[in-house]
Amino acid sequence: MTRPSHYESKIDPLAYMKENMSAAGYEGFLIGNVIKYVTRYPKKNGLEDLKKAKDYLNKAIELYEEEEEGEGNQKKNFSWVCAKCGTPNCRTILRGSTFTKVRCAFCGLFVRVN
């Protein structure tokens, strides 16, 4: 991503955020920017905004791939039996995730994750 001169600094904000935020928080920031730029491109900066969205999406993909390649302790498998329909469920949650509720894949009941 090319940086305009008004962003020049000794500190790279994205690198700082990646190191100091939870993985889920940083991922949320990246995906939020993808949504922002894709949503506004037709009315604001056109191709420039699409390229910015692409850059943030590529960073989100890199983060996802790093998590996939990382150590086994970076993911937690959360398994439960739904109280409503009795069906077993399993969800993989990334390290640092901010998820507090997951949904039954069969009946839609929400279950709180501790």
C-alpha atoms as a PDB file:
ATOM      1  CA  MET A   1       0.000   0.000   0.000  1.00  0.00           C
ATOM      2  CA  THR A   2       1.512   3.345  -0.949  1.00  0.00           C
ATOM      3  CA  ARG A   3       1.478   5.906   1.790  1.00  0.00           C
ATOM      4  CA  PRO A   4       0.805   9.618   1.228  1.00  0.00           C
ATOM      5  CA  SER A   5       3.348  11.976   2.784  1.00  0.00           C
ATOM      6  CA  HIS A   6       0.941  12.977   5.566  1.00  0.00           C
ATOM      7  CA  TYR A   7       1.170   9.379   6.862  1.00  0.00           C
ATOM      8  CA  GLU A   8       4.973   9.330   7.044  1.00  0.00           C
ATOM      9  CA  SER A   9       6.159   8.535  10.536  1.00  0.00           C
ATOM     10  CA  LYS A  10       8.763   6.486  12.368  1.00  0.00           C
ATOM     11  CA  ILE A  11       5.945   4.197  13.482  1.00  0.00           C
ATOM     12  CA  ASP A  12       4.019   2.071  10.965  1.00  0.00           C
ATOM     13  CA  PRO A  13       0.436   2.217  12.302  1.00  0.00           C
ATOM     14  CA  LEU A  14      -0.597  -1.129  10.775  1.00  0.00           C
ATOM     15  CA  ALA A  15       2.465  -2.925  12.137  1.00  0.00           C
ATOM     16  CA  TYR A  16       1.886  -1.339  15.555  1.00  0.00           C
ATOM     17  CA  MET A  17      -1.782  -2.354  15.561  1.00  0.00           C
ATOM     18  CA  LYS A  18      -0.968  -5.913  14.489  1.00  0.00           C
ATOM     19  CA  GLU A  19       1.498  -6.285  17.372  1.00  0.00           C
ATOM     20  CA  ASN A  20      -0.634  -4.612  20.039  1.00  0.00           C
ATOM     21  CA  MET A  21      -4.219  -5.596  19.220  1.00  0.00           C
ATOM     22  CA  SER A  22      -5.799  -9.011  19.556  1.00  0.00           C
ATOM     23  CA  ALA A  23      -5.853 -10.999  16.319  1.00  0.00           C
ATOM     24  CA  ALA A  24      -9.629 -10.595  16.194  1.00  0.00           C
ATOM     25  CA  GLY A  25      -9.432  -6.843  16.813  1.00  0.00           C
ATOM     26  CA  TYR A  26      -6.861  -6.340  14.076  1.00  0.00           C
ATOM     27  CA  GLU A  27      -8.839  -8.561  11.708  1.00  0.00           C
ATOM     28  CA  GLY A  28     -11.970  -6.520  12.452  1.00  0.00           C
ATOM     29  CA  PHE A  29     -10.113  -3.304  11.630  1.00  0.00           C
ATOM     30  CA  LEU A  30      -8.923  -4.726   8.295  1.00  0.00           C
ATOM     31  CA  ILE A  31     -12.305  -6.128   7.259  1.00  0.00           C
ATOM     32  CA  GLY A  32     -14.046  -2.931   8.384  1.00  0.00           C
ATOM     33  CA  ASN A  33     -11.821  -0.949   6.031  1.00  0.00           C
ATOM     34  CA  VAL A  34     -12.562  -3.373   3.176  1.00  0.00           C
ATOM     35  CA  ILE A  35     -16.283  -2.786   3.727  1.00  0.00           C
ATOM     36  CA  LYS A  36     -15.809   0.993   3.996  1.00  0.00           C
ATOM     37  CA  TYR A  37     -13.849   1.323   0.760  1.00  0.00           C
ATOM     38  CA  VAL A  38     -16.021  -1.080  -1.255  1.00  0.00           C
ATOM     39  CA  THR A  39     -19.173   0.675  -0.070  1.00  0.00           C
ATOM     40  CA  ARG A  40     -18.046   4.196  -0.903  1.00  0.00           C
ATOM     41  CA  TYR A  41     -16.075   3.645  -4.140  1.00  0.00           C
ATOM     42  CA  PRO A  42     -18.888   4.514  -6.596  1.00  0.00           C
ATOM     43  CA  LYS A  43     -19.587   7.861  -4.926  1.00  0.00           C
ATOM     44  CA  LYS A  44     -16.170   8.968  -3.737  1.00  0.00           C
ATOM     45  CA  ASN A  45     -12.789   7.879  -5.117  1.00  0.00           C
ATOM     46  CA  GLY A  46     -13.653   5.121  -7.600  1.00  0.00           C
ATOM     47  CA  LEU A  47     -10.709   2.922  -8.526  1.00  0.00           C
ATOM     48  CA  GLU A  48      -8.519   4.367  -5.749  1.00  0.00           C
ATOM     49  CA  ASP A  49     -10.987   3.122  -3.113  1.00  0.00           C
ATOM     50  CA  LEU A  50     -11.201  -0.313  -4.764  1.00  0.00           C
ATOM     51  CA  LYS A  51      -7.405  -0.569  -4.624  1.00  0.00           C
ATOM     52  CA  LYS A  52      -7.428   0.399  -0.942  1.00  0.00           C
ATOM     53  CA  ALA A  53     -10.071  -2.273  -0.276  1.00  0.00           C
ATOM     54  CA  LYS A  54      -7.893  -4.795  -2.113  1.00  0.00           C
ATOM     55  CA  ASP A  55      -4.857  -3.843   0.001  1.00  0.00           C
ATOM     56  CA  TYR A  56      -6.778  -4.290   3.265  1.00  0.00           C
ATOM     57  CA  LEU A  57      -8.277  -7.567   2.039  1.00  0.00           C
ATOM     58  CA  ASN A  58      -4.795  -8.849   1.163  1.00  0.00           C
ATOM     59  CA  LYS A  59      -3.613  -7.964   4.685  1.00  0.00           C
ATOM     60  CA  ALA A  60      -6.611  -9.836   6.152  1.00  0.00           C
ATOM     61  CA  ILE A  61      -5.752 -12.862   4.003  1.00  0.00           C
ATOM     62  CA  GLU A  62      -2.126 -12.710   5.197  1.00  0.00           C
ATOM     63  CA  LEU A  63      -3.322 -12.593   8.814  1.00  0.00           C
ATOM     64  CA  TYR A  64      -5.611 -15.570   8.241  1.00  0.00           C
ATOM     65  CA  GLU A  65      -2.805 -17.554   6.611  1.00  0.00           C
ATOM     66  CA  GLU A  66      -0.459 -16.722   9.505  1.00  0.00           C
ATOM     67  CA  GLU A  67      -3.070 -17.998  11.960  1.00  0.00           C
ATOM     68  CA  GLU A  68      -3.533 -21.166   9.886  1.00  0.00           C
ATOM     69  CA  GLU A  69       0.230 -21.815   9.778  1.00  0.00           C
ATOM     70  CA  GLY A  70       0.770 -20.913  13.433  1.00  0.00           C
ATOM     71  CA  GLU A  71       1.141 -23.140  16.434  1.00  0.00           C
ATOM     72  CA  GLY A  72      -1.647 -25.449  17.551  1.00  0.00           C
ATOM     73  CA  ASN A  73      -2.425 -23.309  20.600  1.00  0.00           C
ATOM     74  CA  GLN A  74      -3.646 -20.483  18.388  1.00  0.00           C
ATOM     75  CA  LYS A  75      -6.994 -22.175  17.806  1.00  0.00           C
ATOM     76  CA  LYS A  76      -9.505 -23.578  20.209  1.00  0.00           C
ATOM     77  CA  ASN A  77     -12.131 -26.110  19.243  1.00  0.00           C
ATOM     78  CA  PHE A  78     -15.347 -25.375  21.065  1.00  0.00           C
ATOM     79  CA  SER A  79     -17.749 -28.339  21.087  1.00  0.00           C
ATOM     80  CA  TRP A  80     -21.200 -28.533  22.635  1.00  0.00           C
ATOM     81  CA  VAL A  81     -24.540 -30.289  22.372  1.00  0.00           C
ATOM     82  CA  CYS A  82     -27.371 -27.900  21.630  1.00  0.00           C
ATOM     83  CA  ALA A  83     -29.863 -27.682  24.498  1.00  0.00           C
ATOM     84  CA  LYS A  84     -32.739 -27.027  22.096  1.00  0.00           C
ATOM     85  CA  CYS A  85     -32.289 -29.670  19.350  1.00  0.00           C
ATOM     86  CA  GLY A  86     -29.751 -32.022  20.998  1.00  0.00           C
ATOM     87  CA  THR A  87     -27.382 -31.911  18.013  1.00  0.00           C
ATOM     88  CA  PRO A  88     -23.593 -31.896  18.564  1.00  0.00           C
ATOM     89  CA  ASN A  89     -21.839 -28.770  17.263  1.00  0.00           C
ATOM     90  CA  CYS A  90     -18.202 -27.764  16.882  1.00  0.00           C
ATOM     91  CA  ARG A  91     -16.681 -24.377  16.135  1.00  0.00           C
ATOM     92  CA  THR A  92     -13.019 -23.440  15.746  1.00  0.00           C
ATOM     93  CA  ILE A  93     -12.255 -20.108  17.398  1.00  0.00           C
ATOM     94  CA  LEU A  94      -9.037 -18.212  16.634  1.00  0.00           C
ATOM     95  CA  ARG A  95      -6.709 -17.103  19.433  1.00  0.00           C
ATOM     96  CA  GLY A  96      -7.645 -13.620  20.598  1.00  0.00           C
ATOM     97  CA  SER A  97     -11.161 -13.935  19.225  1.00  0.00           C
ATOM     98  CA  THR A  98     -13.802 -11.593  20.590  1.00  0.00           C
ATOM     99  CA  PHE A  99     -16.629 -14.067  19.992  1.00  0.00           C
ATOM    100  CA  THR A 100     -18.825 -14.430  23.056  1.00  0.00           C
ATOM    101  CA  LYS A 101     -21.683 -16.331  21.410  1.00  0.00           C
ATOM    102  CA  VAL A 102     -21.871 -19.033  18.756  1.00  0.00           C
ATOM    103  CA  ARG A 103     -24.955 -20.313  16.974  1.00  0.00           C
ATOM    104  CA  CYS A 104     -26.145 -23.890  16.603  1.00  0.00           C
ATOM    105  CA  ALA A 105     -25.619 -24.874  12.974  1.00  0.00           C
ATOM    106  CA  PHE A 106     -28.917 -26.783  12.956  1.00  0.00           C
ATOM    107  CA  CYS A 107     -31.574 -24.842  14.890  1.00  0.00           C
ATOM    108  CA  GLY A 108     -29.951 -21.420  15.324  1.00  0.00           C
ATOM    109  CA  LEU A 109     -29.898 -21.319  19.144  1.00  0.00           C
ATOM    110  CA  PHE A 110     -27.143 -19.043  20.506  1.00  0.00           C
ATOM    111  CA  VAL A 111     -24.699 -20.465  23.066  1.00  0.00           C
ATOM    112  CA  ARG A 112     -22.372 -18.252  25.128  1.00  0.00           C
ATOM    113  CA  VAL A 113     -18.643 -19.053  24.921  1.00  0.00           C
ATOM    114  CA  ASN A 114     -16.703 -18.612  28.166  1.00  0.00           C
END
